[in-house]
N, C-alpha and C. Protein backbone atom coordinates (compact mmCIF):
# COMPACT_ATOMS: atom_id res chain seq x y z
N UNK A 1 -10.07 0.12 -9.33
CA UNK A 1 -8.86 0.93 -9.42
C UNK A 1 -7.78 0.09 -10.10
N UNK A 2 -7.26 0.57 -11.18
CA UNK A 2 -6.25 -0.16 -11.93
C UNK A 2 -4.86 0.09 -11.36
N UNK A 3 -4.07 -0.97 -11.29
CA UNK A 3 -2.68 -0.81 -10.87
C UNK A 3 -1.75 -0.71 -12.07
N UNK A 4 -2.26 -0.92 -13.28
CA UNK A 4 -1.42 -0.88 -14.47
C UNK A 4 -0.81 0.52 -14.63
N UNK A 5 0.52 0.63 -14.59
CA UNK A 5 1.15 1.95 -14.66
C UNK A 5 1.29 2.47 -16.08
N UNK A 6 1.43 3.79 -16.19
CA UNK A 6 1.69 4.42 -17.49
C UNK A 6 2.93 5.29 -17.35
N UNK A 7 3.64 5.50 -18.46
CA UNK A 7 4.81 6.36 -18.40
C UNK A 7 4.37 7.76 -18.00
N UNK A 8 5.06 8.32 -17.00
CA UNK A 8 4.70 9.62 -16.47
C UNK A 8 5.82 10.65 -16.62
N UNK A 9 7.07 10.19 -16.60
CA UNK A 9 8.19 11.12 -16.56
C UNK A 9 9.44 10.40 -17.03
N UNK A 10 10.31 11.12 -17.73
CA UNK A 10 11.59 10.56 -18.18
C UNK A 10 12.69 11.52 -17.78
N UNK A 11 13.79 10.98 -17.28
CA UNK A 11 14.92 11.77 -16.83
C UNK A 11 16.14 11.40 -17.66
N UNK A 12 16.76 12.41 -18.27
CA UNK A 12 17.98 12.22 -19.05
C UNK A 12 19.16 12.77 -18.25
N UNK A 13 20.19 11.95 -18.03
CA UNK A 13 21.41 12.40 -17.39
C UNK A 13 22.31 13.00 -18.47
N UNK A 14 22.80 14.22 -18.24
CA UNK A 14 23.56 14.93 -19.27
C UNK A 14 24.92 15.37 -18.73
N UNK A 15 25.87 15.54 -19.65
CA UNK A 15 27.22 15.97 -19.25
C UNK A 15 27.32 17.48 -19.08
N UNK A 16 26.48 18.23 -19.78
CA UNK A 16 26.51 19.69 -19.69
C UNK A 16 25.06 20.18 -19.71
N UNK A 17 24.57 20.58 -18.55
CA UNK A 17 23.16 20.94 -18.41
C UNK A 17 22.77 22.13 -19.30
N UNK A 18 23.55 23.19 -19.28
CA UNK A 18 23.19 24.37 -20.06
C UNK A 18 23.22 24.09 -21.56
N UNK A 19 24.22 23.37 -22.01
CA UNK A 19 24.30 23.01 -23.43
C UNK A 19 23.11 22.14 -23.83
N UNK A 20 22.76 21.20 -22.99
CA UNK A 20 21.63 20.31 -23.27
C UNK A 20 20.31 21.07 -23.25
N UNK A 21 20.14 21.95 -22.27
CA UNK A 21 18.91 22.76 -22.19
C UNK A 21 18.75 23.60 -23.45
N UNK A 22 19.82 24.23 -23.86
CA UNK A 22 19.80 25.03 -25.07
C UNK A 22 19.43 24.19 -26.29
N UNK A 23 20.00 23.01 -26.40
CA UNK A 23 19.71 22.13 -27.53
C UNK A 23 18.23 21.71 -27.54
N UNK A 24 17.74 21.26 -26.38
CA UNK A 24 16.35 20.78 -26.31
C UNK A 24 15.34 21.90 -26.54
N UNK A 25 15.66 23.13 -26.10
CA UNK A 25 14.70 24.23 -26.26
C UNK A 25 14.87 24.96 -27.59
N UNK A 26 16.07 25.39 -27.89
CA UNK A 26 16.30 26.19 -29.09
C UNK A 26 16.31 25.38 -30.38
N UNK A 27 16.88 24.19 -30.34
CA UNK A 27 16.98 23.37 -31.55
C UNK A 27 15.76 22.46 -31.73
N UNK A 28 15.36 21.79 -30.65
CA UNK A 28 14.26 20.82 -30.75
C UNK A 28 12.89 21.43 -30.46
N UNK A 29 12.85 22.58 -29.79
CA UNK A 29 11.59 23.28 -29.58
C UNK A 29 10.81 22.93 -28.33
N UNK A 30 11.40 22.18 -27.40
CA UNK A 30 10.69 21.86 -26.17
C UNK A 30 10.63 23.09 -25.27
N UNK A 31 9.63 23.13 -24.38
CA UNK A 31 9.40 24.28 -23.50
C UNK A 31 10.11 24.07 -22.17
N UNK A 32 10.93 25.04 -21.76
CA UNK A 32 11.61 25.03 -20.47
C UNK A 32 10.62 25.46 -19.39
N UNK A 33 10.53 24.70 -18.30
CA UNK A 33 9.61 24.99 -17.20
C UNK A 33 10.45 25.46 -16.01
N UNK A 34 10.69 26.76 -15.94
CA UNK A 34 11.59 27.33 -14.93
C UNK A 34 11.12 27.05 -13.50
N UNK A 35 9.82 27.18 -13.25
CA UNK A 35 9.31 27.00 -11.88
C UNK A 35 9.40 25.56 -11.38
N UNK A 36 9.65 24.62 -12.26
CA UNK A 36 9.81 23.22 -11.85
C UNK A 36 11.25 22.75 -12.02
N UNK A 37 12.15 23.68 -12.27
CA UNK A 37 13.57 23.38 -12.44
C UNK A 37 14.34 23.89 -11.23
N UNK A 38 15.59 23.49 -11.13
CA UNK A 38 16.43 23.93 -10.02
C UNK A 38 17.88 23.67 -10.32
N UNK A 39 18.74 23.84 -9.33
CA UNK A 39 20.17 23.61 -9.55
C UNK A 39 20.43 22.19 -10.06
N UNK A 40 21.08 22.09 -11.19
CA UNK A 40 21.42 20.79 -11.75
C UNK A 40 20.27 20.04 -12.38
N UNK A 41 19.10 20.68 -12.48
CA UNK A 41 17.88 20.01 -12.94
C UNK A 41 17.08 20.96 -13.82
N UNK A 42 16.66 20.49 -14.98
CA UNK A 42 15.93 21.33 -15.93
C UNK A 42 14.71 20.55 -16.43
N UNK A 43 13.52 21.01 -16.09
CA UNK A 43 12.30 20.33 -16.53
C UNK A 43 11.82 20.91 -17.85
N UNK A 44 11.35 20.03 -18.73
CA UNK A 44 10.91 20.41 -20.06
C UNK A 44 9.56 19.80 -20.37
N UNK A 45 8.88 20.42 -21.33
CA UNK A 45 7.56 19.94 -21.75
C UNK A 45 7.51 19.97 -23.26
N UNK A 46 6.88 18.95 -23.81
CA UNK A 46 6.71 18.88 -25.26
C UNK A 46 5.29 19.23 -25.63
N UNK A 47 4.76 18.55 -26.63
CA UNK A 47 3.43 18.82 -27.13
C UNK A 47 2.33 18.44 -26.16
N UNK A 48 1.15 18.96 -26.41
CA UNK A 48 -0.02 18.72 -25.57
C UNK A 48 -0.28 17.22 -25.42
N UNK A 49 -0.50 16.79 -24.20
CA UNK A 49 -0.78 15.40 -23.90
C UNK A 49 0.46 14.53 -23.80
N UNK A 50 1.63 15.12 -24.01
CA UNK A 50 2.87 14.36 -23.93
C UNK A 50 3.34 14.18 -22.49
N UNK A 51 4.43 13.50 -22.35
CA UNK A 51 5.02 13.22 -21.05
C UNK A 51 6.11 14.26 -20.77
N UNK A 52 6.05 14.90 -19.60
CA UNK A 52 7.12 15.81 -19.21
C UNK A 52 8.41 15.03 -19.03
N UNK A 53 9.52 15.72 -19.18
CA UNK A 53 10.81 15.09 -18.96
C UNK A 53 11.78 16.12 -18.42
N UNK A 54 12.94 15.64 -17.98
CA UNK A 54 13.91 16.54 -17.40
C UNK A 54 15.32 16.14 -17.78
N UNK A 55 16.19 17.12 -17.64
CA UNK A 55 17.62 16.91 -17.82
C UNK A 55 18.25 17.05 -16.44
N UNK A 56 19.13 16.14 -16.08
CA UNK A 56 19.79 16.19 -14.79
C UNK A 56 21.29 16.13 -15.03
N UNK A 57 22.01 17.05 -14.43
CA UNK A 57 23.46 17.07 -14.55
C UNK A 57 24.03 15.78 -13.97
N UNK A 58 24.73 15.00 -14.77
CA UNK A 58 25.36 13.78 -14.28
C UNK A 58 26.51 14.15 -13.35
N UNK A 59 26.63 13.40 -12.26
CA UNK A 59 27.70 13.60 -11.29
C UNK A 59 28.28 12.24 -10.92
N UNK A 60 29.25 12.24 -10.04
CA UNK A 60 29.83 10.98 -9.56
C UNK A 60 28.80 10.14 -8.80
N UNK A 61 27.73 10.78 -8.29
CA UNK A 61 26.72 10.07 -7.51
C UNK A 61 25.52 9.62 -8.34
N UNK A 62 25.50 9.95 -9.63
CA UNK A 62 24.37 9.59 -10.49
C UNK A 62 24.84 8.64 -11.59
N UNK A 63 23.91 8.07 -12.33
CA UNK A 63 24.32 7.37 -13.54
C UNK A 63 25.05 8.34 -14.46
N UNK A 64 25.84 7.82 -15.37
CA UNK A 64 26.63 8.65 -16.27
C UNK A 64 25.80 9.36 -17.32
N UNK A 65 26.42 10.36 -17.93
CA UNK A 65 25.77 11.09 -19.03
C UNK A 65 25.37 10.10 -20.11
N UNK A 66 24.18 10.29 -20.64
CA UNK A 66 23.64 9.38 -21.65
C UNK A 66 22.65 8.37 -21.07
N UNK A 67 22.66 8.19 -19.75
CA UNK A 67 21.70 7.29 -19.11
C UNK A 67 20.33 7.93 -19.07
N UNK A 68 19.31 7.11 -19.03
CA UNK A 68 17.92 7.57 -18.97
C UNK A 68 17.21 6.82 -17.86
N UNK A 69 16.33 7.51 -17.15
CA UNK A 69 15.53 6.88 -16.09
C UNK A 69 14.06 7.16 -16.38
N UNK A 70 13.24 6.11 -16.34
CA UNK A 70 11.82 6.23 -16.67
C UNK A 70 10.98 6.04 -15.40
N UNK A 71 9.98 6.90 -15.25
CA UNK A 71 9.04 6.84 -14.13
C UNK A 71 7.67 6.45 -14.67
N UNK A 72 7.05 5.45 -14.03
CA UNK A 72 5.71 5.01 -14.38
C UNK A 72 4.78 5.38 -13.24
N UNK A 73 3.58 5.85 -13.56
CA UNK A 73 2.64 6.31 -12.53
C UNK A 73 1.42 5.39 -12.47
N UNK A 74 0.93 5.19 -11.25
CA UNK A 74 -0.27 4.40 -11.02
C UNK A 74 -1.10 5.07 -9.93
N UNK A 75 -2.38 4.81 -9.94
CA UNK A 75 -3.25 5.36 -8.90
C UNK A 75 -3.25 4.49 -7.65
N UNK A 76 -2.68 3.27 -7.74
CA UNK A 76 -2.65 2.35 -6.60
C UNK A 76 -1.24 1.78 -6.45
N UNK A 77 -0.35 2.59 -5.87
CA UNK A 77 1.05 2.21 -5.76
C UNK A 77 1.23 0.95 -4.90
N UNK A 78 0.58 0.90 -3.76
CA UNK A 78 0.71 -0.27 -2.88
C UNK A 78 0.18 -1.53 -3.57
N UNK A 79 -0.94 -1.39 -4.28
CA UNK A 79 -1.50 -2.53 -5.00
C UNK A 79 -0.58 -3.01 -6.11
N UNK A 80 0.03 -2.07 -6.84
CA UNK A 80 0.97 -2.43 -7.90
C UNK A 80 2.17 -3.15 -7.30
N UNK A 81 2.71 -2.63 -6.21
CA UNK A 81 3.86 -3.27 -5.59
C UNK A 81 3.51 -4.69 -5.14
N UNK A 82 2.36 -4.86 -4.51
CA UNK A 82 1.95 -6.19 -4.06
C UNK A 82 1.81 -7.15 -5.24
N UNK A 83 1.21 -6.68 -6.32
CA UNK A 83 1.05 -7.51 -7.52
C UNK A 83 2.40 -7.94 -8.07
N UNK A 84 3.33 -6.99 -8.17
CA UNK A 84 4.64 -7.30 -8.72
C UNK A 84 5.41 -8.26 -7.82
N UNK A 85 5.38 -8.04 -6.52
CA UNK A 85 6.06 -8.93 -5.58
C UNK A 85 5.48 -10.33 -5.68
N UNK A 86 4.14 -10.44 -5.80
CA UNK A 86 3.50 -11.75 -5.95
C UNK A 86 3.93 -12.45 -7.23
N UNK A 87 4.34 -11.69 -8.23
CA UNK A 87 4.84 -12.26 -9.49
C UNK A 87 6.33 -12.57 -9.44
N UNK A 88 6.95 -12.33 -8.29
CA UNK A 88 8.37 -12.63 -8.13
C UNK A 88 9.31 -11.48 -8.49
N UNK A 89 8.78 -10.28 -8.65
CA UNK A 89 9.61 -9.12 -8.98
C UNK A 89 10.23 -8.57 -7.69
N UNK A 90 11.52 -8.28 -7.74
CA UNK A 90 12.18 -7.64 -6.61
C UNK A 90 11.83 -6.15 -6.62
N UNK A 91 11.18 -5.70 -5.58
CA UNK A 91 10.75 -4.30 -5.50
C UNK A 91 11.25 -3.70 -4.20
N UNK A 92 11.74 -2.46 -4.26
CA UNK A 92 12.14 -1.79 -3.03
C UNK A 92 10.89 -1.43 -2.24
N UNK A 93 11.10 -1.04 -1.01
CA UNK A 93 9.99 -0.57 -0.19
C UNK A 93 9.49 0.76 -0.76
N UNK A 94 8.25 1.09 -0.48
CA UNK A 94 7.69 2.37 -0.90
C UNK A 94 8.31 3.48 -0.05
N UNK A 95 8.79 4.52 -0.72
CA UNK A 95 9.41 5.66 -0.04
C UNK A 95 8.67 6.93 -0.43
N UNK A 96 8.55 7.84 0.51
CA UNK A 96 7.91 9.13 0.24
C UNK A 96 8.97 10.12 -0.21
N UNK A 97 8.68 10.84 -1.28
CA UNK A 97 9.55 11.88 -1.83
C UNK A 97 8.74 13.16 -1.96
N UNK A 98 9.39 14.31 -2.14
CA UNK A 98 8.64 15.56 -2.28
C UNK A 98 7.64 15.54 -3.45
N UNK A 99 7.91 14.78 -4.49
CA UNK A 99 7.05 14.73 -5.66
C UNK A 99 6.07 13.57 -5.64
N UNK A 100 6.06 12.75 -4.58
CA UNK A 100 5.14 11.62 -4.47
C UNK A 100 5.82 10.41 -3.84
N UNK A 101 5.09 9.33 -3.75
CA UNK A 101 5.64 8.09 -3.21
C UNK A 101 6.15 7.23 -4.36
N UNK A 102 7.24 6.49 -4.12
CA UNK A 102 7.87 5.71 -5.18
C UNK A 102 8.35 4.35 -4.66
N UNK A 103 8.58 3.44 -5.59
CA UNK A 103 9.42 2.27 -5.35
C UNK A 103 10.08 1.91 -6.67
N UNK A 104 11.19 1.18 -6.59
CA UNK A 104 11.95 0.82 -7.78
C UNK A 104 11.91 -0.67 -8.03
N UNK A 105 11.99 -1.04 -9.31
CA UNK A 105 12.11 -2.43 -9.72
C UNK A 105 13.21 -2.50 -10.79
N UNK A 106 13.95 -3.61 -10.81
CA UNK A 106 14.99 -3.75 -11.82
C UNK A 106 14.43 -4.35 -13.11
N UNK A 107 15.03 -3.96 -14.22
CA UNK A 107 14.73 -4.61 -15.50
C UNK A 107 15.61 -5.85 -15.60
N UNK A 108 15.37 -6.73 -16.57
CA UNK A 108 16.25 -7.89 -16.73
C UNK A 108 17.72 -7.52 -16.95
N UNK A 109 17.99 -6.32 -17.46
CA UNK A 109 19.36 -5.88 -17.68
C UNK A 109 19.96 -5.15 -16.48
N UNK A 110 19.21 -5.07 -15.39
CA UNK A 110 19.72 -4.46 -14.17
C UNK A 110 19.49 -2.97 -14.04
N UNK A 111 18.82 -2.36 -15.02
CA UNK A 111 18.47 -0.94 -14.89
C UNK A 111 17.28 -0.83 -13.96
N UNK A 112 17.22 0.26 -13.20
CA UNK A 112 16.07 0.47 -12.32
C UNK A 112 15.04 1.35 -13.01
N UNK A 113 13.77 0.99 -12.84
CA UNK A 113 12.68 1.86 -13.23
C UNK A 113 11.89 2.19 -11.98
N UNK A 114 11.26 3.34 -11.97
CA UNK A 114 10.57 3.82 -10.77
C UNK A 114 9.08 3.84 -11.00
N UNK A 115 8.35 3.31 -10.04
CA UNK A 115 6.89 3.38 -10.00
C UNK A 115 6.54 4.47 -9.00
N UNK A 116 5.56 5.31 -9.35
CA UNK A 116 5.21 6.40 -8.45
C UNK A 116 3.70 6.63 -8.43
N UNK A 117 3.28 7.31 -7.37
CA UNK A 117 1.87 7.73 -7.28
C UNK A 117 1.82 9.19 -6.95
């Protein structure tokens, strides 16, 4: 079982959700996924085999508009976390979320990336 993660999801923080959704769907041609969207959140899909992504309305509690958050997926989340911690990476504890289990690690510039299973 490999712990090497792959990009699974990208989240774009936006200043105007409806304007951004319209741009990504009508101008750029991405597909809006209504059943996976909700208040303040718009899920989109590109070409076959691509990575799904979403637009999230930026608020005072989120990163600002223009920020991006990347999610990497692995089949062995606990093993990946143990490997990274053994390499000296600061990793949060594994937390369960409605969409799966996750933990975060910082990049050298202080941005957080999320590992999920």
